[in-house]
Amino acid sequence: MENNDFRLRSIKFSEWIEDRLNWEIIKFSIGNFNVLLSNNAQGKTRLFNVLKFIKDIHIGGRHFSNPNYKAEANLWFEQDEDEILYKFAMVGEPKGEGLIFNEIVKRNEKVLFDRSEKILIEETKNEQISKFFIQDNVPATKSLKEKEFITCNLIQDFFSRMLFLEANRFSSDQLALAKDAMTLDNKGANVGCVLYNWQKKIPLAYNEVVDAFRDCFSFIENVFIKEEPIAPGMPSNPLMYMKEKGVDADIDQKNWSDGLLRALCHFVLACTQFKSETKDVIRPSFIGVDEVENGLDFNTLAKIINHYESYSSLIQTIIATHSPLVCNMVEAKKWLVMKRKGAKVKTFSPSKVEDLESERFKLKKNNWEFYRRHVALSDLYRIV
C-alpha cells in the first residue's frame, strides 16, 4: 500500500469534561513541512498530545475511564486532488470502561461511512452494504480492515505511521529495554534497541542514520552496538558505542551528551521504515517534534532542520519551537503561529511573508556569521 501522497491538511478538535469545554483547537491548515511557533503555555505540546491520543485510540487502544468525557475531531486529508473528511465523536462509556465512537468518512463530499445513519460503501464496487455490524467501542477505521474499504484503510494506515519526539532531555537512566523495538518511542529512550534491530533487519536504514549522524558530527568515526548489561546484575541489552577520530577509548551510550543522543533520534525518525504490501520503502506519514532545539548547538540545529525539510516530499513534519534561531532557519511561509486564550487555541499563518523573509534573512546571516567567526571557525579556541 503506497500512501506517500496521503496527507493531513487540516485539523479541528474539541473536548469537554462534565459538559464544560476543556480544550478546543480551532481549525487550522497544515503543509508538508511547518514550524509551530509560540511562547510557553500556548498549546504546542497539547496539540501533539491530542494527535498522539487520536493515534493511540485508533491503533493500540488506550485505557480511558471517564464517563463524563466527550470529544469531537475533524481531520481533513488530501490524496492527489481528492479531499477526505474523517469526522468522529467520542463519549465516555457510562460505566467508565472506555470510549464509544460515532464517525463519518467522506471522500469529495460522498459519504463512505456514517455510523449513525448506518451507511457503509464498498468502494471497489461502489455499492452500499445493506447490513453490517461494528462495535461502538472501537473506531470504524480500525474495524474495517478489508481492502474494499480503501479510504478507511488509508486513514488507519496514516495513524499507524505517525511518530513523535517529546521535548525531554536525555540521560543515562532513560534507556528503554525494548529489545524488539523497530520504531522510536515518544521519548527516544529506545534508540539503541531500534538501531540494533535495524542493523540486523534493515541495514540500509541503519546505514542511512549512521551516515547522517557522522556527517553532522565530523569528529565521529563510527557508531556500533554491543549487547551487554547496562549495569551489573542486569540482563544484556543493546548498548550503543561511539568511536571518535583520534581517540582510543570507545564511548558508551551512558556517557553520550544529551545533544548527541537527541540528534541521533532526529535522524532515526526520518529514516524509519514501515512494512508494505509492495517492495517500496514506506516512510512515516507524519512526524511531530516538540522543542526541536533542545540540546542542540547552532550548527547541529541547522543540519537537523535541513534534514527534516529534505524529507518533506515523503513525510509530513511539524517541528515546534519557541526559539528565534529556528525562525531564522525556515522561510516564513512555513511558519504556524499558535496563540491560546483560555481553553481555545488558534493557529495563524504569518501575514506579509515577504517582509518577514527580508528580516529573517538579515537575522540569519548575522547570527550565522557571528557563530562561524567567533565560535565554530575561530582560531582563538583551539586545543593544541
Protein backbone atom coordinates (compact mmCIF):
# COMPACT_ATOMS: atom_id res chain seq x y z
CA MET A 1 0.00 0.00 0.00
CA GLU A 2 1.64 3.22 -1.14
CA ASN A 3 0.36 6.21 0.83
CA ASN A 4 3.08 8.82 0.44
CA ASP A 5 0.60 11.19 -1.25
CA PHE A 6 -1.97 10.88 1.57
CA ARG A 7 -1.55 14.00 3.71
CA LEU A 8 -3.28 15.58 6.68
CA ARG A 9 -4.29 19.07 5.56
CA SER A 10 -6.45 20.45 8.41
CA ILE A 11 -7.45 19.60 11.94
CA LYS A 12 -10.12 20.72 14.38
CA PHE A 13 -10.58 19.29 17.87
CA SER A 14 -12.77 19.99 20.92
CA GLU A 15 -13.21 18.16 24.22
CA TRP A 16 -15.50 18.56 27.20
CA ILE A 17 -15.41 17.16 30.72
CA GLU A 18 -18.66 17.24 32.68
CA ASP A 19 -20.17 19.41 29.91
CA ARG A 20 -17.51 22.11 30.37
CA LEU A 21 -15.21 22.95 27.48
CA ASN A 22 -11.77 21.66 28.43
CA TRP A 23 -9.84 22.27 25.21
CA GLU A 24 -10.56 23.49 21.70
CA ILE A 25 -8.19 23.62 18.76
CA ILE A 26 -9.77 25.88 16.17
CA LYS A 27 -9.43 24.55 12.62
CA PHE A 28 -6.08 25.24 11.01
CA SER A 29 -4.24 24.07 7.90
CA ILE A 30 -1.01 22.05 7.72
CA GLY A 31 1.59 21.92 4.95
CA ASN A 32 4.20 19.30 4.14
CA PHE A 33 6.70 20.98 6.49
CA ASN A 34 5.84 23.52 9.17
CA VAL A 35 7.44 25.22 12.15
CA LEU A 36 5.00 25.76 15.01
CA LEU A 37 5.92 28.93 16.91
CA SER A 38 4.66 30.34 20.19
CA ASN A 39 5.55 31.40 23.69
CA ASN A 40 5.35 28.89 26.52
CA ALA A 41 1.95 27.51 27.55
CA GLN A 42 0.25 28.36 24.26
CA GLY A 43 -0.72 24.83 23.25
CA LYS A 44 2.14 23.36 21.17
CA THR A 45 2.68 20.35 23.41
CA ARG A 46 -1.06 19.93 23.89
CA LEU A 47 -1.54 19.77 20.11
CA PHE A 48 0.96 16.90 19.87
CA ASN A 49 -0.73 15.20 22.83
CA VAL A 50 -4.07 15.41 21.01
CA LEU A 51 -2.55 13.88 17.88
CA LYS A 52 -0.90 11.13 19.93
CA PHE A 53 -4.23 10.47 21.66
CA ILE A 54 -6.00 10.16 18.29
CA LYS A 55 -3.29 7.80 17.06
CA ASP A 56 -3.42 5.65 20.20
CA ILE A 57 -7.18 5.09 20.20
CA HIS A 58 -7.06 4.06 16.53
CA ILE A 59 -4.02 1.79 16.71
CA GLY A 60 -3.34 0.06 20.00
CA GLY A 61 -6.25 1.26 22.06
CA ARG A 62 -5.89 3.45 25.12
CA HIS A 63 -7.13 2.96 28.66
CA PHE A 64 -9.84 5.50 29.36
CA SER A 65 -12.14 5.54 32.36
CA ASN A 66 -14.01 8.86 32.48
CA PRO A 67 -17.77 8.56 31.84
CA ASN A 68 -18.04 12.38 31.76
CA TYR A 69 -15.66 12.80 28.81
CA LYS A 70 -16.77 13.97 25.38
CA ALA A 71 -14.72 14.99 22.33
CA GLU A 72 -15.13 15.75 18.64
CA ALA A 73 -12.44 15.76 15.96
CA ASN A 74 -12.43 16.70 12.29
CA LEU A 75 -9.47 15.67 10.17
CA TRP A 76 -9.23 16.72 6.54
CA PHE A 77 -6.90 14.63 4.38
CA GLU A 78 -5.81 15.06 0.80
CA GLN A 79 -4.85 12.46 -1.80
CA ASP A 80 -4.00 13.74 -5.27
CA GLU A 81 -6.95 16.10 -5.90
CA ASP A 82 -9.37 14.29 -3.57
CA GLU A 83 -10.41 15.67 -0.19
CA ILE A 84 -11.21 13.21 2.59
CA LEU A 85 -13.03 14.17 5.77
CA TYR A 86 -12.83 11.94 8.82
CA LYS A 87 -15.17 13.23 11.49
CA PHE A 88 -15.57 11.38 14.75
CA ALA A 89 -17.05 11.92 18.18
CA MET A 90 -16.16 10.13 21.42
CA VAL A 91 -18.01 9.88 24.70
CA GLY A 92 -17.02 8.11 27.88
CA GLU A 93 -18.73 4.76 28.39
CA PRO A 94 -21.31 5.13 31.20
CA LYS A 95 -19.57 2.53 33.38
CA GLY A 96 -16.20 4.21 32.84
CA GLU A 97 -14.77 1.30 30.88
CA GLY A 98 -13.70 3.07 27.68
CA LEU A 99 -14.99 5.23 24.84
CA ILE A 100 -17.97 5.00 22.50
CA PHE A 101 -17.43 6.24 18.94
CA ASN A 102 -19.56 7.81 16.24
CA GLU A 103 -17.89 8.55 12.88
CA ILE A 104 -18.41 9.85 9.37
CA VAL A 105 -15.99 9.30 6.47
CA LYS A 106 -16.39 11.31 3.26
CA ARG A 107 -14.40 11.50 0.04
CA ASN A 108 -15.18 14.55 -2.11
CA GLU A 109 -18.45 15.02 -0.17
CA LYS A 110 -19.59 11.46 -0.86
CA VAL A 111 -20.43 9.62 2.36
CA LEU A 112 -18.49 6.35 2.56
CA PHE A 113 -19.34 5.59 6.16
CA ASP A 114 -21.81 7.05 8.65
CA ARG A 115 -22.29 5.05 11.83
CA SER A 116 -25.45 6.81 13.00
CA GLU A 117 -27.12 6.62 9.56
CA LYS A 118 -25.89 3.04 9.02
CA ILE A 119 -24.22 3.84 5.71
CA LEU A 120 -21.22 1.83 4.52
CA ILE A 121 -19.94 1.86 0.93
CA GLU A 122 -17.77 -0.85 -0.57
CA GLU A 123 -15.55 1.40 -2.68
CA THR A 124 -14.18 -1.19 -5.10
CA LYS A 125 -17.72 -1.85 -6.39
CA ASN A 126 -19.24 1.47 -5.33
CA GLU A 127 -22.06 -0.41 -3.64
CA GLN A 128 -23.76 0.19 -0.32
CA ILE A 129 -23.66 -2.67 2.17
CA SER A 130 -27.16 -3.27 3.48
CA LYS A 131 -26.28 -4.96 6.77
CA PHE A 132 -23.15 -4.62 8.87
CA PHE A 133 -22.10 -4.54 12.50
CA ILE A 134 -19.25 -2.57 14.06
CA GLN A 135 -18.67 -2.42 17.79
CA ASP A 136 -19.37 1.06 19.11
CA ASN A 137 -16.34 0.95 21.43
CA VAL A 138 -13.90 0.52 18.51
CA PRO A 139 -13.19 3.15 15.82
CA ALA A 140 -14.64 2.20 12.43
CA THR A 141 -11.32 2.67 10.63
CA LYS A 142 -9.80 0.07 12.95
CA SER A 143 -12.66 -2.38 12.29
CA LEU A 144 -12.96 -2.02 8.51
CA LYS A 145 -9.76 -3.80 7.52
CA GLU A 146 -10.94 -5.39 4.28
CA LYS A 147 -9.27 -3.97 1.17
CA GLU A 148 -12.67 -2.95 -0.27
CA PHE A 149 -12.81 -0.06 2.22
CA ILE A 150 -9.98 1.90 0.61
CA THR A 151 -10.38 5.28 2.32
CA CYS A 152 -10.81 3.86 5.83
CA ASN A 153 -7.67 1.79 5.29
CA LEU A 154 -5.74 4.86 4.19
CA ILE A 155 -6.81 6.77 7.28
CA GLN A 156 -5.90 3.87 9.57
CA ASP A 157 -2.55 3.45 7.83
CA PHE A 158 -1.81 7.15 8.29
CA PHE A 159 -2.39 6.85 12.05
CA SER A 160 -0.20 3.73 12.25
CA ARG A 161 2.79 5.58 10.77
CA MET A 162 2.70 8.71 12.93
CA LEU A 163 5.85 9.31 15.02
CA PHE A 164 6.55 11.83 17.77
CA LEU A 165 9.52 13.08 19.77
CA GLU A 166 8.82 14.82 23.06
CA ALA A 167 10.76 17.75 24.49
CA ASN A 168 12.51 15.71 27.17
CA ARG A 169 16.22 15.85 27.85
CA PHE A 170 18.21 12.63 27.68
CA SER A 171 20.12 10.97 30.49
CA SER A 172 21.59 7.52 31.06
CA ASP A 173 18.73 6.43 33.34
CA GLN A 174 16.21 6.89 30.50
CA LEU A 175 17.42 3.92 28.45
CA ALA A 176 14.49 1.71 27.47
CA LEU A 177 14.99 -2.05 27.46
CA ALA A 178 12.84 -2.79 24.41
CA LYS A 179 14.74 -5.47 22.52
CA ASP A 180 12.24 -5.92 19.69
CA ALA A 181 11.59 -2.22 19.01
CA MET A 182 11.60 -1.16 15.34
CA THR A 183 10.28 2.38 15.84
CA LEU A 184 11.39 5.13 18.19
CA ASP A 185 9.26 5.71 21.28
CA ASN A 186 8.00 9.20 22.07
CA LYS A 187 10.95 9.92 24.37
CA GLY A 188 13.64 8.37 22.17
CA ALA A 189 14.71 6.18 25.10
CA ASN A 190 14.80 3.00 22.99
CA VAL A 191 17.03 4.38 20.23
CA GLY A 192 19.81 1.84 20.87
CA CYS A 193 17.39 -1.08 20.57
CA VAL A 194 15.86 0.34 17.39
CA LEU A 195 19.22 0.73 15.68
CA TYR A 196 20.31 -2.72 16.87
CA ASN A 197 17.29 -4.25 15.14
CA TRP A 198 17.69 -2.11 12.03
CA GLN A 199 21.31 -3.23 11.71
CA LYS A 200 20.13 -6.83 11.52
CA LYS A 201 16.85 -6.47 9.61
CA ILE A 202 17.02 -3.27 7.52
CA PRO A 203 20.73 -2.39 7.23
CA LEU A 204 20.11 0.27 4.57
CA ALA A 205 18.06 2.29 7.07
CA TYR A 206 20.72 1.76 9.74
CA ASN A 207 23.46 3.00 7.40
CA GLU A 208 21.31 5.97 6.40
CA VAL A 209 21.11 7.06 10.04
CA VAL A 210 24.79 6.49 10.82
CA ASP A 211 25.88 8.34 7.67
CA ALA A 212 23.67 11.33 8.54
CA PHE A 213 24.97 11.27 12.13
CA ARG A 214 28.63 11.18 11.05
CA ASP A 215 28.00 13.95 8.53
CA CYS A 216 26.52 16.09 11.29
CA PHE A 217 29.39 15.45 13.72
CA SER A 218 32.64 15.29 11.78
CA PHE A 219 34.64 14.08 14.82
CA ILE A 220 32.71 10.78 14.88
CA GLU A 221 34.44 7.91 13.12
CA ASN A 222 31.79 5.26 13.67
CA VAL A 223 28.84 4.05 15.74
CA PHE A 224 28.43 0.42 16.76
CA ILE A 225 26.25 -1.59 19.11
CA LYS A 226 27.02 -4.32 21.63
CA GLU A 227 24.56 -6.48 23.54
CA GLU A 228 25.62 -6.31 27.17
CA PRO A 229 24.27 -5.39 30.64
CA ILE A 230 23.57 -1.69 31.13
CA ALA A 231 24.53 -2.13 34.79
CA PRO A 232 25.96 -5.02 36.87
CA GLY A 233 23.41 -7.71 37.52
CA MET A 234 21.06 -6.60 34.76
CA PRO A 235 20.22 -8.66 31.63
CA SER A 236 22.04 -7.98 28.38
CA ASN A 237 20.54 -5.31 26.12
CA PRO A 238 21.71 -3.37 23.05
CA LEU A 239 24.02 -0.54 24.05
CA MET A 240 25.48 1.95 21.57
CA TYR A 241 29.13 2.92 21.40
CA MET A 242 30.78 5.80 19.60
CA LYS A 243 34.29 5.86 18.17
CA GLU A 244 35.80 9.35 17.89
CA LYS A 245 38.59 10.15 15.47
CA GLY A 246 41.97 10.18 17.21
CA VAL A 247 40.56 8.80 20.47
CA ASP A 248 41.47 5.26 21.52
CA ALA A 249 38.72 4.58 24.03
CA ASP A 250 35.17 3.95 22.80
CA ILE A 251 32.41 6.00 24.44
CA ASP A 252 29.38 4.01 25.60
CA GLN A 253 25.84 5.34 25.33
CA LYS A 254 25.58 6.13 29.04
CA ASN A 255 28.28 8.78 28.57
CA TRP A 256 26.98 10.40 25.39
CA SER A 257 25.88 14.01 25.68
CA ASP A 258 22.22 14.94 25.64
CA GLY A 259 22.72 16.68 22.30
CA LEU A 260 24.31 13.68 20.60
CA LEU A 261 21.53 11.34 21.68
CA ARG A 262 18.80 13.76 20.68
CA ALA A 263 20.40 14.45 17.28
CA LEU A 264 20.58 10.72 16.64
CA CYS A 265 16.87 10.39 17.47
CA HIS A 266 16.03 13.10 14.92
CA PHE A 267 17.84 11.17 12.20
CA VAL A 268 16.15 7.91 13.24
CA LEU A 269 12.66 9.43 12.94
CA ALA A 270 13.01 10.46 9.31
CA CYS A 271 14.78 7.22 8.33
CA THR A 272 12.15 4.92 9.88
CA GLN A 273 10.64 2.33 7.54
CA PHE A 274 7.33 0.51 7.81
CA LYS A 275 6.18 -2.76 6.32
CA SER A 276 4.39 -2.55 2.99
CA GLU A 277 2.50 -4.80 0.61
CA THR A 278 4.91 -3.62 -2.08
CA LYS A 279 8.71 -3.64 -2.12
CA ASP A 280 8.82 0.16 -1.90
CA VAL A 281 10.16 1.88 1.20
CA ILE A 282 7.27 3.27 3.23
CA ARG A 283 8.27 6.19 5.45
CA PRO A 284 6.39 7.72 8.39
CA SER A 285 3.18 9.50 7.40
CA PHE A 286 3.67 12.28 9.97
CA ILE A 287 6.40 13.39 12.37
CA GLY A 288 5.76 15.75 15.27
CA VAL A 289 8.75 17.12 17.19
CA ASP A 290 8.32 19.23 20.32
CA GLU A 291 11.02 21.84 21.08
CA VAL A 292 13.31 20.75 18.29
CA GLU A 293 16.14 22.98 19.55
CA ASN A 294 16.58 21.12 22.87
CA GLY A 295 20.17 20.04 23.45
CA LEU A 296 21.42 21.17 20.04
CA ASP A 297 24.08 23.74 19.18
CA PHE A 298 23.51 26.26 16.38
CA ASN A 299 25.28 24.24 13.70
CA THR A 300 23.66 20.92 14.61
CA LEU A 301 20.21 22.52 14.83
CA ALA A 302 20.57 23.87 11.29
CA LYS A 303 21.52 20.42 9.98
CA ILE A 304 18.63 18.72 11.79
CA ILE A 305 16.09 21.18 10.38
CA ASN A 306 17.51 20.83 6.88
CA HIS A 307 17.33 17.05 7.31
CA TYR A 308 13.61 17.14 8.17
CA GLU A 309 12.85 19.59 5.40
CA SER A 310 14.69 17.43 2.85
CA TYR A 311 12.20 14.61 3.57
CA SER A 312 9.09 16.81 3.27
CA SER A 313 8.11 15.35 -0.10
CA LEU A 314 7.86 11.95 1.62
CA ILE A 315 7.00 12.77 5.25
CA GLN A 316 4.70 15.43 6.63
CA THR A 317 6.50 17.13 9.52
CA ILE A 318 5.72 19.73 12.19
CA ILE A 319 8.56 20.92 14.42
CA ALA A 320 7.57 23.05 17.39
CA THR A 321 9.79 25.69 18.93
CA HIS A 322 9.93 28.97 20.79
CA SER A 323 13.45 29.72 19.62
CA PRO A 324 14.17 32.63 17.26
CA LEU A 325 17.07 30.57 15.89
CA VAL A 326 14.60 28.17 14.29
CA CYS A 327 12.67 31.08 12.78
CA ASN A 328 15.87 32.18 11.11
CA MET A 329 16.37 28.76 9.52
CA VAL A 330 12.93 28.27 7.95
CA GLU A 331 11.21 30.56 5.44
CA ALA A 332 8.29 32.49 6.88
CA LYS A 333 5.62 30.95 4.67
CA LYS A 334 6.19 27.66 6.53
CA TRP A 335 5.57 29.16 9.97
CA LEU A 336 2.45 28.47 12.03
CA VAL A 337 1.99 30.88 14.94
CA MET A 338 -0.03 29.46 17.84
CA LYS A 339 -1.95 31.52 20.40
CA ARG A 340 -4.14 30.45 23.30
CA LYS A 341 -6.92 32.22 25.16
CA GLY A 342 -8.31 30.16 28.00
CA ALA A 343 -9.32 26.77 26.62
CA LYS A 344 -9.24 27.91 22.99
CA VAL A 345 -6.19 27.61 20.75
CA LYS A 346 -5.84 29.20 17.32
CA THR A 347 -3.03 28.86 14.81
CA PHE A 348 -2.23 31.64 12.35
CA SER A 349 -0.30 31.74 9.11
CA PRO A 350 2.04 34.75 9.07
CA SER A 351 0.99 37.87 7.20
CA LYS A 352 3.31 39.95 5.00
CA VAL A 353 5.56 36.98 4.31
CA GLU A 354 7.84 38.99 2.00
CA ASP A 355 8.66 41.49 4.76
CA LEU A 356 9.24 38.68 7.24
CA GLU A 357 11.54 36.92 4.78
CA SER A 358 13.67 40.04 4.41
CA GLU A 359 14.00 40.41 8.17
CA ARG A 360 14.63 36.69 8.63
CA PHE A 361 17.43 36.70 6.06
CA LYS A 362 19.21 39.56 7.82
CA LEU A 363 18.93 37.87 11.21
CA LYS A 364 20.02 34.52 9.83
CA LYS A 365 23.05 36.00 8.08
CA ASN A 366 24.16 38.00 11.11
CA ASN A 367 23.66 35.15 13.60
CA TRP A 368 25.32 32.57 11.39
CA GLU A 369 28.33 34.73 10.57
CA PHE A 370 28.75 35.60 14.24
CA TYR A 371 28.66 31.93 15.20
CA ARG A 372 31.10 30.86 12.48
CA ARG A 373 33.64 33.64 13.06
CA HIS A 374 33.58 33.70 16.86
CA VAL A 375 32.76 30.10 17.78
CA ALA A 376 32.80 27.45 15.07
CA LEU A 377 35.76 28.61 12.95
CA SER A 378 37.62 30.81 15.38
CA ASP A 379 41.35 30.09 15.81
CA LEU A 380 41.16 31.63 19.28
CA TYR A 381 39.64 28.47 20.71
CA ARG A 382 41.88 25.56 19.82
CA ILE A 383 43.30 22.67 21.79
CA VAL A 384 46.96 22.29 20.82
